[in-house]
């Protein structure tokens, strides 16, 4: 991954304590492009953490 174009944010889960989402954000657009959670990796659905960054 190109570290100049993307930044990884660690966002705590609002539902499960002690669980963190690793959201990848496009620096240019300011939008979330992927996440480490099952919603994204299994279903390609934006999770709450991604929506908090912007999708």
PDB file of N, CA and C in Angstrom:
ATOM      1  N   UNK A   1       0.841  -1.184   0.000  1.00  0.00           N
ATOM      2  CA  UNK A   1       0.000   0.000   0.000  1.00  0.00           C
ATOM      3  C   UNK A   1       0.886   1.248   0.000  1.00  0.00           C
ATOM      4  N   UNK A   2       0.481   2.225  -0.753  1.00  0.00           N
ATOM      5  CA  UNK A   2       1.250   3.454  -0.882  1.00  0.00           C
ATOM      6  C   UNK A   2       0.956   4.372   0.308  1.00  0.00           C
ATOM      7  N   UNK A   3       1.942   4.529   1.195  1.00  0.00           N
ATOM      8  CA  UNK A   3       1.726   5.290   2.423  1.00  0.00           C
ATOM      9  C   UNK A   3       1.529   6.783   2.182  1.00  0.00           C
ATOM     10  N   UNK A   4       1.839   7.269   0.988  1.00  0.00           N
ATOM     11  CA  UNK A   4       1.627   8.680   0.699  1.00  0.00           C
ATOM     12  C   UNK A   4       0.188   8.964   0.274  1.00  0.00           C
ATOM     13  N   UNK A   5      -0.506   7.942  -0.188  1.00  0.00           N
ATOM     14  CA  UNK A   5      -1.888   8.113  -0.651  1.00  0.00           C
ATOM     15  C   UNK A   5      -2.912   7.692   0.391  1.00  0.00           C
ATOM     16  N   UNK A   6      -2.509   6.786   1.284  1.00  0.00           N
ATOM     17  CA  UNK A   6      -3.447   6.228   2.250  1.00  0.00           C
ATOM     18  C   UNK A   6      -2.910   6.338   3.664  1.00  0.00           C
ATOM     19  N   UNK A   7      -3.831   6.409   4.602  1.00  0.00           N
ATOM     20  CA  UNK A   7      -3.443   6.411   6.014  1.00  0.00           C
ATOM     21  C   UNK A   7      -4.366   5.441   6.732  1.00  0.00           C
ATOM     22  N   UNK A   8      -3.821   4.729   7.708  1.00  0.00           N
ATOM     23  CA  UNK A   8      -4.626   3.765   8.468  1.00  0.00           C
ATOM     24  C   UNK A   8      -5.009   4.380   9.800  1.00  0.00           C
ATOM     25  N   UNK A   9      -6.309   4.390  10.069  1.00  0.00           N
ATOM     26  CA  UNK A   9      -6.830   4.933  11.322  1.00  0.00           C
ATOM     27  C   UNK A   9      -7.315   3.772  12.175  1.00  0.00           C
ATOM     28  N   UNK A  10      -7.045   3.821  13.455  1.00  0.00           N
ATOM     29  CA  UNK A  10      -7.552   2.807  14.371  1.00  0.00           C
ATOM     30  C   UNK A  10      -8.711   3.416  15.138  1.00  0.00           C
ATOM     31  N   UNK A  11      -9.905   2.863  14.911  1.00  0.00           N
ATOM     32  CA  UNK A  11     -11.115   3.419  15.507  1.00  0.00           C
ATOM     33  C   UNK A  11     -11.754   2.361  16.397  1.00  0.00           C
ATOM     34  N   UNK A  12     -12.030   2.700  17.667  1.00  0.00           N
ATOM     35  CA  UNK A  12     -12.643   1.715  18.561  1.00  0.00           C
ATOM     36  C   UNK A  12     -14.074   1.390  18.133  1.00  0.00           C
ATOM     37  N   UNK A  13     -14.444   0.122  18.260  1.00  0.00           N
ATOM     38  CA  UNK A  13     -15.811  -0.305  17.942  1.00  0.00           C
ATOM     39  C   UNK A  13     -16.777   0.302  18.945  1.00  0.00           C
ATOM     40  N   UNK A  14     -17.922   0.743  18.446  1.00  0.00           N
ATOM     41  CA  UNK A  14     -18.946   1.289  19.345  1.00  0.00           C
ATOM     42  C   UNK A  14     -19.766   0.178  19.974  1.00  0.00           C
ATOM     43  N   UNK A  15     -19.748  -1.005  19.349  1.00  0.00           N
ATOM     44  CA  UNK A  15     -20.578  -2.108  19.806  1.00  0.00           C
ATOM     45  C   UNK A  15     -19.809  -3.059  20.729  1.00  0.00           C
ATOM     46  N   UNK A  16     -18.574  -3.373  20.354  1.00  0.00           N
ATOM     47  CA  UNK A  16     -17.788  -4.352  21.112  1.00  0.00           C
ATOM     48  C   UNK A  16     -16.575  -3.700  21.746  1.00  0.00           C
ATOM     49  N   UNK A  17     -16.559  -3.699  23.071  1.00  0.00           N
ATOM     50  CA  UNK A  17     -15.460  -3.085  23.816  1.00  0.00           C
ATOM     51  C   UNK A  17     -14.164  -3.848  23.576  1.00  0.00           C
ATOM     52  N   UNK A  18     -13.076  -3.124  23.391  1.00  0.00           N
ATOM     53  CA  UNK A  18     -11.782  -3.744  23.192  1.00  0.00           C
ATOM     54  C   UNK A  18     -11.508  -4.153  21.748  1.00  0.00           C
ATOM     55  N   UNK A  19     -12.468  -3.927  20.845  1.00  0.00           N
ATOM     56  CA  UNK A  19     -12.303  -4.260  19.428  1.00  0.00           C
ATOM     57  C   UNK A  19     -12.044  -2.966  18.671  1.00  0.00           C
ATOM     58  N   UNK A  20     -11.075  -3.013  17.775  1.00  0.00           N
ATOM     59  CA  UNK A  20     -10.723  -1.834  17.003  1.00  0.00           C
ATOM     60  C   UNK A  20     -10.830  -2.107  15.518  1.00  0.00           C
ATOM     61  N   UNK A  21     -11.317  -1.129  14.794  1.00  0.00           N
ATOM     62  CA  UNK A  21     -11.373  -1.201  13.334  1.00  0.00           C
ATOM     63  C   UNK A  21     -10.134  -0.511  12.793  1.00  0.00           C
ATOM     64  N   UNK A  22      -9.493  -1.129  11.814  1.00  0.00           N
ATOM     65  CA  UNK A  22      -8.378  -0.485  11.125  1.00  0.00           C
ATOM     66  C   UNK A  22      -8.916   0.005   9.788  1.00  0.00           C
ATOM     67  N   UNK A  23      -9.251   1.282   9.749  1.00  0.00           N
ATOM     68  CA  UNK A  23      -9.856   1.883   8.568  1.00  0.00           C
ATOM     69  C   UNK A  23      -8.763   2.511   7.708  1.00  0.00           C
ATOM     70  N   UNK A  24      -8.768   2.177   6.421  1.00  0.00           N
ATOM     71  CA  UNK A  24      -7.813   2.759   5.476  1.00  0.00           C
ATOM     72  C   UNK A  24      -8.499   3.943   4.802  1.00  0.00           C
ATOM     73  N   UNK A  25      -7.858   5.102   4.921  1.00  0.00           N
ATOM     74  CA  UNK A  25      -8.436   6.346   4.401  1.00  0.00           C
ATOM     75  C   UNK A  25      -7.594   6.878   3.254  1.00  0.00           C
ATOM     76  N   UNK A  26      -8.267   7.274   2.183  1.00  0.00           N
ATOM     77  CA  UNK A  26      -7.617   7.925   1.049  1.00  0.00           C
ATOM     78  C   UNK A  26      -7.352   9.374   1.470  1.00  0.00           C
ATOM     79  N   UNK A  27      -6.080   9.756   1.554  1.00  0.00           N
ATOM     80  CA  UNK A  27      -5.719  11.088   2.051  1.00  0.00           C
ATOM     81  C   UNK A  27      -6.249  12.198   1.132  1.00  0.00           C
ATOM     82  N   UNK A  28      -6.197  11.961  -0.174  1.00  0.00           N
ATOM     83  CA  UNK A  28      -6.631  12.975  -1.132  1.00  0.00           C
ATOM     84  C   UNK A  28      -8.124  13.282  -1.018  1.00  0.00           C
ATOM     85  N   UNK A  29      -8.954  12.241  -1.004  1.00  0.00           N
ATOM     86  CA  UNK A  29     -10.402  12.446  -0.967  1.00  0.00           C
ATOM     87  C   UNK A  29     -10.934  12.557   0.460  1.00  0.00           C
ATOM     88  N   UNK A  30     -10.176  12.040   1.429  1.00  0.00           N
ATOM     89  CA  UNK A  30     -10.627  12.053   2.815  1.00  0.00           C
ATOM     90  C   UNK A  30     -11.655  10.984   3.116  1.00  0.00           C
ATOM     91  N   UNK A  31     -11.843  10.046   2.187  1.00  0.00           N
ATOM     92  CA  UNK A  31     -12.854   9.002   2.336  1.00  0.00           C
ATOM     93  C   UNK A  31     -12.222   7.678   2.765  1.00  0.00           C
ATOM     94  N   UNK A  32     -12.992   6.883   3.510  1.00  0.00           N
ATOM     95  CA  UNK A  32     -12.553   5.542   3.886  1.00  0.00           C
ATOM     96  C   UNK A  32     -12.675   4.630   2.675  1.00  0.00           C
ATOM     97  N   UNK A  33     -11.646   3.824   2.418  1.00  0.00           N
ATOM     98  CA  UNK A  33     -11.671   2.928   1.263  1.00  0.00           C
ATOM     99  C   UNK A  33     -11.734   1.449   1.650  1.00  0.00           C
ATOM    100  N   UNK A  34     -11.340   1.098   2.871  1.00  0.00           N
ATOM    101  CA  UNK A  34     -11.485  -0.281   3.327  1.00  0.00           C
ATOM    102  C   UNK A  34     -11.346  -0.343   4.844  1.00  0.00           C
ATOM    103  N   UNK A  35     -11.674  -1.519   5.387  1.00  0.00           N
ATOM    104  CA  UNK A  35     -11.599  -1.712   6.836  1.00  0.00           C
ATOM    105  C   UNK A  35     -11.253  -3.163   7.130  1.00  0.00           C
ATOM    106  N   UNK A  36     -10.736  -3.398   8.330  1.00  0.00           N
ATOM    107  CA  UNK A  36     -10.325  -4.746   8.725  1.00  0.00           C
ATOM    108  C   UNK A  36     -11.496  -5.596   9.219  1.00  0.00           C
ATOM    109  N   UNK A  37     -12.666  -5.001   9.396  1.00  0.00           N
ATOM    110  CA  UNK A  37     -13.782  -5.729  10.015  1.00  0.00           C
ATOM    111  C   UNK A  37     -14.487  -6.682   9.046  1.00  0.00           C
ATOM    112  N   UNK A  38     -15.313  -7.559   9.608  1.00  0.00           N
ATOM    113  CA  UNK A  38     -16.028  -8.553   8.802  1.00  0.00           C
ATOM    114  C   UNK A  38     -17.060  -7.907   7.881  1.00  0.00           C
ATOM    115  N   UNK A  39     -17.701  -6.831   8.326  1.00  0.00           N
ATOM    116  CA  UNK A  39     -18.699  -6.161   7.471  1.00  0.00           C
ATOM    117  C   UNK A  39     -18.081  -5.853   6.115  1.00  0.00           C
ATOM    118  N   UNK A  40     -16.861  -5.318   6.156  1.00  0.00           N
ATOM    119  CA  UNK A  40     -16.198  -4.943   4.910  1.00  0.00           C
ATOM    120  C   UNK A  40     -15.564  -6.132   4.217  1.00  0.00           C
ATOM    121  N   UNK A  41     -14.774  -6.930   4.953  1.00  0.00           N
ATOM    122  CA  UNK A  41     -14.017  -8.016   4.321  1.00  0.00           C
ATOM    123  C   UNK A  41     -14.910  -9.147   3.815  1.00  0.00           C
ATOM    124  N   UNK A  42     -16.035  -9.392   4.466  1.00  0.00           N
ATOM    125  CA  UNK A  42     -16.923 -10.485   4.048  1.00  0.00           C
ATOM    126  C   UNK A  42     -18.088  -9.974   3.188  1.00  0.00           C
ATOM    127  N   UNK A  43     -18.645  -8.821   3.540  1.00  0.00           N
ATOM    128  CA  UNK A  43     -19.859  -8.369   2.856  1.00  0.00           C
ATOM    129  C   UNK A  43     -19.706  -7.108   2.031  1.00  0.00           C
ATOM    130  N   UNK A  44     -18.511  -6.493   2.082  1.00  0.00           N
ATOM    131  CA  UNK A  44     -18.256  -5.251   1.345  1.00  0.00           C
ATOM    132  C   UNK A  44     -19.218  -4.133   1.725  1.00  0.00           C
ATOM    133  N   UNK A  45     -19.631  -4.134   3.009  1.00  0.00           N
ATOM    134  CA  UNK A  45     -20.525  -3.093   3.508  1.00  0.00           C
ATOM    135  C   UNK A  45     -19.732  -2.159   4.403  1.00  0.00           C
ATOM    136  N   UNK A  46     -19.970  -0.875   4.250  1.00  0.00           N
ATOM    137  CA  UNK A  46     -19.288   0.111   5.093  1.00  0.00           C
ATOM    138  C   UNK A  46     -19.791  -0.016   6.529  1.00  0.00           C
ATOM    139  N   UNK A  47     -18.854  -0.128   7.465  1.00  0.00           N
ATOM    140  CA  UNK A  47     -19.217  -0.236   8.878  1.00  0.00           C
ATOM    141  C   UNK A  47     -19.339   1.167   9.487  1.00  0.00           C
ATOM    142  N   UNK A  48     -19.751   1.223  10.744  1.00  0.00           N
ATOM    143  CA  UNK A  48     -19.924   2.502  11.434  1.00  0.00           C
ATOM    144  C   UNK A  48     -18.602   3.270  11.504  1.00  0.00           C
ATOM    145  N   UNK A  49     -17.490   2.544  11.692  1.00  0.00           N
ATOM    146  CA  UNK A  49     -16.187   3.206  11.768  1.00  0.00           C
ATOM    147  C   UNK A  49     -15.843   3.858  10.433  1.00  0.00           C
ATOM    148  N   UNK A  50     -16.136   3.175   9.329  1.00  0.00           N
ATOM    149  CA  UNK A  50     -15.873   3.747   8.003  1.00  0.00           C
ATOM    150  C   UNK A  50     -16.770   4.958   7.756  1.00  0.00           C
ATOM    151  N   UNK A  51     -18.030   4.842   8.174  1.00  0.00           N
ATOM    152  CA  UNK A  51     -18.963   5.970   7.980  1.00  0.00           C
ATOM    153  C   UNK A  51     -18.567   7.178   8.813  1.00  0.00           C
ATOM    154  N   UNK A  52     -17.939   6.934   9.982  1.00  0.00           N
ATOM    155  CA  UNK A  52     -17.502   8.061  10.818  1.00  0.00           C
ATOM    156  C   UNK A  52     -16.373   8.839  10.149  1.00  0.00           C
ATOM    157  N   UNK A  53     -15.601   8.169   9.299  1.00  0.00           N
ATOM    158  CA  UNK A  53     -14.525   8.832   8.542  1.00  0.00           C
ATOM    159  C   UNK A  53     -15.115   9.472   7.288  1.00  0.00           C
ATOM    160  N   UNK A  54     -16.066   8.758   6.688  1.00  0.00           N
ATOM    161  CA  UNK A  54     -16.685   9.208   5.437  1.00  0.00           C
ATOM    162  C   UNK A  54     -16.454   8.182   4.349  1.00  0.00           C
ATOM    163  N   UNK A  55     -17.516   7.820   3.638  1.00  0.00           N
ATOM    164  CA  UNK A  55     -17.396   6.831   2.565  1.00  0.00           C
ATOM    165  C   UNK A  55     -17.905   7.383   1.247  1.00  0.00           C
TER     166      UNK A  55
END
